[in-house]
Amino acid sequence: MPTITLSDATFAKIQAYAEPLVDSSDSVIARVFDHYSSQNKSDPNDKLHAAASPKIWVLPVGTSELMHTSLRDVILGERALPDMNWNSLTRHMHTLAKKNLGSFEALRRATKANIRDGRVEVNGYRFIPEAGVSVQGTDAIKSCESSFMLARAMNMPLSVTFEWRQKEDAAHPGETGLIQWQPPSR
């Protein structure tokens, strides 16, 4: 059996997808390849296709590489959130967190977003009636950070797939990125 060496970062990614006491590193890697193959519907021996396949950049929470990105898929828990952009994700997460955490103060402590109790509609704030709070619009980096902070505070898995626009300042123009967080296994 071949032996491979993995970086600590790669091993941490494997652990994030592993079911404790069930999966081995080998079973997680096999599952990833099975998923990749099912999505690409191609012959793995076709080197031309493999070279042309787009890379999915798996980035850590808190990355600064989100300039010029647009959301493609958002999954919170087991539920897909359709038609999201970074600011609508921020508003959705704050609404849900206010309900789950119970108070404005608990919400304020759980986020880095600029929020105000009640209706404020100046300086980029947008009132969210369902939560009774106003959240200031922001860039993708801060929106992502706040959304993942709130997911952690609520202990809910969050997965965000996005695409970099074809812009010179984009980190990976035209490519796809993925950021996800899972609660630690018990």
Protein backbone atom coordinates (compact mmCIF):
# COMPACT_ATOMS: atom_id res chain seq x y z
CA MET A 1 0.00 0.00 0.00
CA PRO A 2 1.46 3.42 -0.95
CA THR A 3 2.25 5.94 1.75
CA ILE A 4 1.49 9.62 1.19
CA THR A 5 2.48 12.70 3.14
CA LEU A 6 -0.13 15.41 3.73
CA SER A 7 0.33 18.96 4.93
CA ASP A 8 -1.32 19.85 8.25
CA ALA A 9 -3.79 22.04 6.35
CA THR A 10 -4.81 19.20 4.02
CA PHE A 11 -5.15 16.76 6.91
CA ALA A 12 -7.37 19.29 8.74
CA LYS A 13 -9.62 19.43 5.65
CA ILE A 14 -9.87 15.63 5.66
CA GLN A 15 -10.77 15.67 9.37
CA ALA A 16 -13.50 18.24 8.72
CA TYR A 17 -15.23 15.79 6.35
CA ALA A 18 -14.61 12.65 8.39
CA GLU A 19 -17.17 10.96 10.57
CA PRO A 20 -15.32 10.09 13.80
CA LEU A 21 -14.83 6.39 14.54
CA VAL A 22 -16.14 5.54 11.05
CA ASP A 23 -13.99 7.22 8.41
CA SER A 24 -10.31 6.88 7.71
CA SER A 25 -8.31 9.39 5.66
CA ASP A 26 -8.54 6.92 2.78
CA SER A 27 -12.35 6.70 2.95
CA VAL A 28 -12.71 10.51 3.01
CA ILE A 29 -10.36 10.96 0.05
CA ALA A 30 -12.22 8.23 -1.86
CA ARG A 31 -15.55 9.95 -1.13
CA VAL A 32 -14.16 13.28 -2.41
CA PHE A 33 -12.99 11.65 -5.65
CA ASP A 34 -16.33 9.87 -6.06
CA HIS A 35 -18.14 13.18 -5.63
CA TYR A 36 -15.77 14.93 -8.03
CA SER A 37 -16.22 12.19 -10.63
CA SER A 38 -20.01 12.29 -10.34
CA GLN A 39 -20.00 16.07 -10.86
CA ASN A 40 -17.60 16.03 -13.82
CA LYS A 41 -18.95 12.94 -15.63
CA SER A 42 -15.63 12.37 -17.33
CA ASP A 43 -13.06 9.66 -17.76
CA PRO A 44 -10.39 10.21 -15.07
CA ASN A 45 -7.81 8.99 -17.59
CA ASP A 46 -8.67 11.84 -19.96
CA LYS A 47 -5.73 14.14 -19.17
CA LEU A 48 -6.94 16.83 -21.57
CA HIS A 49 -10.24 17.16 -19.70
CA ALA A 50 -8.47 17.07 -16.33
CA ALA A 51 -6.21 19.94 -17.37
CA ALA A 52 -9.20 21.98 -18.54
CA SER A 53 -11.34 21.29 -15.46
CA PRO A 54 -11.84 24.37 -13.32
CA LYS A 55 -10.15 24.31 -9.96
CA ILE A 56 -12.26 24.78 -6.86
CA TRP A 57 -10.36 26.89 -4.37
CA VAL A 58 -11.13 25.77 -0.82
CA LEU A 59 -10.44 28.79 1.34
CA PRO A 60 -10.46 29.27 5.10
CA VAL A 61 -13.04 31.32 6.95
CA GLY A 62 -11.60 34.82 7.23
CA THR A 63 -9.90 34.81 3.83
CA SER A 64 -9.21 38.17 2.25
CA GLU A 65 -9.52 36.81 -1.32
CA LEU A 66 -13.21 37.66 -1.81
CA MET A 67 -12.96 40.90 -3.79
CA HIS A 68 -15.01 40.69 -7.02
CA THR A 69 -16.94 37.55 -6.06
CA SER A 70 -20.58 36.61 -6.41
CA LEU A 71 -22.35 33.86 -4.51
CA ARG A 72 -23.46 30.73 -6.37
CA ASP A 73 -24.68 28.39 -3.62
CA VAL A 74 -25.26 28.79 0.09
CA ILE A 75 -26.14 25.86 2.32
CA LEU A 76 -27.00 26.51 5.95
CA GLY A 77 -27.49 23.33 7.95
CA GLU A 78 -29.13 21.08 5.38
CA ARG A 79 -31.06 23.86 3.66
CA ALA A 80 -30.05 25.63 0.45
CA LEU A 81 -30.59 29.38 0.54
CA PRO A 82 -31.54 30.48 -2.99
CA ASP A 83 -30.75 33.79 -4.69
CA MET A 84 -28.22 35.06 -2.17
CA ASN A 85 -25.66 37.79 -2.53
CA TRP A 86 -23.19 38.71 0.20
CA ASN A 87 -25.41 41.37 1.80
CA SER A 88 -28.59 39.27 1.67
CA LEU A 89 -26.63 36.42 3.31
CA THR A 90 -25.54 38.82 6.04
CA ARG A 91 -29.13 39.95 6.64
CA HIS A 92 -30.44 36.35 6.62
CA MET A 93 -27.80 35.21 9.13
CA HIS A 94 -28.50 38.14 11.45
CA THR A 95 -32.24 37.46 11.33
CA LEU A 96 -31.74 33.80 12.17
CA ALA A 97 -29.14 34.55 14.85
CA LYS A 98 -31.40 37.11 16.56
CA LYS A 99 -34.11 34.43 16.82
CA ASN A 100 -31.65 31.77 18.02
CA LEU A 101 -29.57 33.89 20.38
CA GLY A 102 -32.58 35.71 21.81
CA SER A 103 -31.41 39.29 22.30
CA PHE A 104 -29.83 42.21 20.52
CA GLU A 105 -26.86 42.13 22.94
CA ALA A 106 -26.19 38.44 22.26
CA LEU A 107 -26.37 39.15 18.52
CA ARG A 108 -24.04 42.15 18.86
CA ARG A 109 -21.47 40.03 20.71
CA ALA A 110 -21.64 37.27 18.06
CA THR A 111 -20.98 39.44 14.99
CA LYS A 112 -18.46 41.93 13.66
CA ALA A 113 -21.06 43.53 11.40
CA ASN A 114 -22.24 47.02 12.20
CA ILE A 115 -25.74 46.55 13.63
CA ARG A 116 -28.21 48.81 15.39
CA ASP A 117 -31.22 47.93 17.49
CA GLY A 118 -34.41 49.07 15.78
CA ARG A 119 -34.95 50.92 12.51
CA VAL A 120 -31.95 52.78 11.08
CA GLU A 121 -31.93 53.55 7.38
CA VAL A 122 -29.00 55.94 6.87
CA ASN A 123 -25.30 55.36 6.16
CA GLY A 124 -25.94 52.06 4.40
CA TYR A 125 -28.02 50.47 7.19
CA ARG A 126 -30.99 48.37 6.17
CA PHE A 127 -33.78 47.55 8.60
CA ILE A 128 -34.71 43.88 8.98
CA PRO A 129 -38.27 43.81 10.35
CA GLU A 130 -38.16 40.07 11.21
CA ALA A 131 -35.21 40.69 13.53
CA GLY A 132 -36.00 44.22 14.66
CA VAL A 133 -32.42 45.26 13.88
CA SER A 134 -30.64 47.22 11.18
CA VAL A 135 -27.49 45.88 9.52
CA GLN A 136 -25.06 48.01 7.56
CA GLY A 137 -24.13 46.81 4.07
CA THR A 138 -20.51 45.86 3.66
CA ASP A 139 -17.97 44.20 1.39
CA ALA A 140 -17.79 40.46 0.71
CA ILE A 141 -14.92 39.89 3.16
CA LYS A 142 -16.73 41.36 6.16
CA SER A 143 -20.04 39.86 5.11
CA CYS A 144 -18.50 36.41 4.90
CA GLU A 145 -16.71 36.80 8.23
CA SER A 146 -19.87 37.91 10.03
CA SER A 147 -21.96 35.14 8.47
CA PHE A 148 -19.53 32.45 9.57
CA MET A 149 -19.21 33.97 13.06
CA LEU A 150 -22.99 33.76 13.41
CA ALA A 151 -23.04 30.18 12.08
CA ARG A 152 -20.54 29.26 14.80
CA ALA A 153 -22.55 31.09 17.47
CA MET A 154 -25.63 29.08 16.43
CA ASN A 155 -23.58 25.87 15.93
CA MET A 156 -24.96 25.49 12.39
CA PRO A 157 -22.88 24.24 9.43
CA LEU A 158 -22.45 26.79 6.66
CA SER A 159 -21.12 26.24 3.14
CA VAL A 160 -20.64 29.06 0.63
CA THR A 161 -19.70 28.51 -3.01
CA PHE A 162 -18.82 31.60 -5.01
CA GLU A 163 -17.26 32.66 -8.27
CA TRP A 164 -14.65 35.31 -8.95
CA ARG A 165 -15.69 37.75 -11.66
CA GLN A 166 -13.47 38.27 -14.69
CA LYS A 167 -11.72 41.28 -13.17
CA GLU A 168 -8.04 42.05 -13.02
CA ASP A 169 -8.11 42.58 -9.22
CA ALA A 170 -9.95 39.30 -8.57
CA ALA A 171 -7.87 36.64 -6.81
CA HIS A 172 -8.78 33.88 -9.31
CA PRO A 173 -10.81 35.38 -12.21
CA GLY A 174 -13.51 33.07 -13.55
CA GLU A 175 -12.82 30.33 -11.01
CA THR A 176 -14.89 28.89 -8.18
CA GLY A 177 -14.23 29.10 -4.45
CA LEU A 178 -15.63 27.29 -1.44
CA ILE A 179 -15.66 28.24 2.24
CA GLN A 180 -17.31 26.01 4.79
CA TRP A 181 -17.59 25.43 8.50
CA GLN A 182 -18.90 22.39 10.36
CA PRO A 183 -19.56 22.22 14.09
CA PRO A 184 -17.02 19.97 15.81
CA SER A 185 -18.16 16.36 16.15
CA ARG A 186 -19.34 15.36 19.55
